[in-house]
Amino acid sequence: MTQSLPGKRIQIIWSPQARTQLRSIDREVAMNILNCLDRYAKTRGGDVKKLRPPFSGFRLRCGDYRLFFHLEDELTIEIESVRHRSEAYR
């Protein structure tokens, strides 16, 4: 599933919590996270895992940070939180 979706624009929805978390991260690291998310949105490539209970949704690994998200449908990604790996699963 590493193919691009031609002609289809993927919508990324950020929760208020995720926006706040991203803004609190160093600018260079935050830009790397956004590049990682952009790559995933375009190609569906990246280190993504479906989470097991008690968690739900998916995790995208971006360096030392983890993006937790849900796929609303094929064209919508909802970002729930952005956390450092040391705090990600607490």
Protein backbone atom coordinates (compact mmCIF):
# COMPACT_ATOMS: atom_id res chain seq x y z
CA MET A 1 0.00 0.00 0.00
CA THR A 2 2.79 2.39 -0.87
CA GLN A 3 1.13 3.86 -3.91
CA SER A 4 0.10 7.46 -4.21
CA LEU A 5 -3.59 8.23 -4.60
CA PRO A 6 -3.56 10.07 -7.95
CA GLY A 7 -5.72 13.16 -8.19
CA LYS A 8 -7.07 12.74 -4.67
CA ARG A 9 -6.20 15.24 -1.97
CA ILE A 10 -5.91 13.85 1.56
CA GLN A 11 -7.40 15.95 4.32
CA ILE A 12 -5.52 16.09 7.63
CA ILE A 13 -7.52 17.17 10.66
CA TRP A 14 -5.62 18.19 13.79
CA SER A 15 -7.23 17.98 17.21
CA PRO A 16 -6.68 21.07 19.41
CA GLN A 17 -4.54 18.93 21.74
CA ALA A 18 -2.32 17.74 18.86
CA ARG A 19 -1.86 21.32 17.59
CA THR A 20 -0.76 22.46 21.05
CA GLN A 21 1.62 19.54 21.40
CA LEU A 22 3.20 20.19 17.98
CA ARG A 23 3.65 23.89 18.75
CA SER A 24 5.47 23.09 22.00
CA ILE A 25 8.13 21.07 20.15
CA ASP A 26 11.35 22.60 18.81
CA ARG A 27 10.74 24.10 15.35
CA GLU A 28 13.22 21.87 13.47
CA VAL A 29 11.83 18.70 15.06
CA ALA A 30 8.26 19.85 14.38
CA MET A 31 9.13 20.40 10.70
CA ASN A 32 10.54 16.86 10.53
CA ILE A 33 7.28 15.56 12.01
CA LEU A 34 5.26 17.49 9.42
CA ASN A 35 7.48 16.16 6.61
CA CYS A 36 7.00 12.62 7.91
CA LEU A 37 3.21 13.12 7.98
CA ASP A 38 3.25 14.63 4.48
CA ARG A 39 5.19 11.63 3.15
CA TYR A 40 2.69 9.26 4.77
CA ALA A 41 -0.26 11.20 3.35
CA LYS A 42 1.18 11.12 -0.17
CA THR A 43 2.50 7.58 -0.32
CA ARG A 44 1.08 5.74 2.70
CA GLY A 45 4.72 4.89 3.41
CA GLY A 46 6.36 5.12 6.79
CA ASP A 47 6.65 3.30 10.08
CA VAL A 48 2.94 2.91 10.86
CA LYS A 49 1.35 0.36 13.16
CA LYS A 50 -2.22 -0.35 14.07
CA LEU A 51 -2.51 -0.04 17.84
CA ARG A 52 -3.75 -2.83 20.07
CA PRO A 53 -6.25 -2.40 22.93
CA PRO A 54 -6.48 -0.46 25.18
CA PHE A 55 -5.33 2.00 22.49
CA SER A 56 -7.12 2.54 19.20
CA GLY A 57 -6.16 3.90 15.81
CA PHE A 58 -2.67 4.05 14.37
CA ARG A 59 0.81 5.25 15.32
CA LEU A 60 3.25 6.91 12.91
CA ARG A 61 6.85 6.96 14.12
CA CYS A 62 8.72 10.20 13.29
CA GLY A 63 12.16 10.07 14.88
CA ASP A 64 11.75 10.34 18.66
CA TYR A 65 8.09 11.37 18.33
CA ARG A 66 4.90 9.45 17.70
CA LEU A 67 1.81 10.72 15.89
CA PHE A 68 -1.37 8.99 16.99
CA PHE A 69 -4.19 9.14 14.48
CA HIS A 70 -7.36 7.59 13.09
CA LEU A 71 -8.23 7.03 9.45
CA GLU A 72 -11.74 8.44 9.11
CA ASP A 73 -11.87 7.19 5.53
CA GLU A 74 -9.45 6.73 2.63
CA LEU A 75 -9.00 10.48 2.25
CA THR A 76 -9.16 11.77 5.86
CA ILE A 77 -6.55 11.46 8.61
CA GLU A 78 -7.42 12.75 12.08
CA ILE A 79 -4.35 13.47 14.25
CA GLU A 80 -5.17 12.98 17.94
CA SER A 81 -1.82 13.58 19.61
CA VAL A 82 1.92 14.09 19.12
CA ARG A 83 4.09 12.67 21.89
CA HIS A 84 7.73 11.98 22.64
CA ARG A 85 8.49 8.25 22.64
CA SER A 86 9.19 8.29 26.39
CA GLU A 87 5.62 9.49 27.08
CA ALA A 88 3.80 7.95 24.14
CA TYR A 89 2.18 4.93 25.78
CA ARG A 90 1.56 6.21 29.29
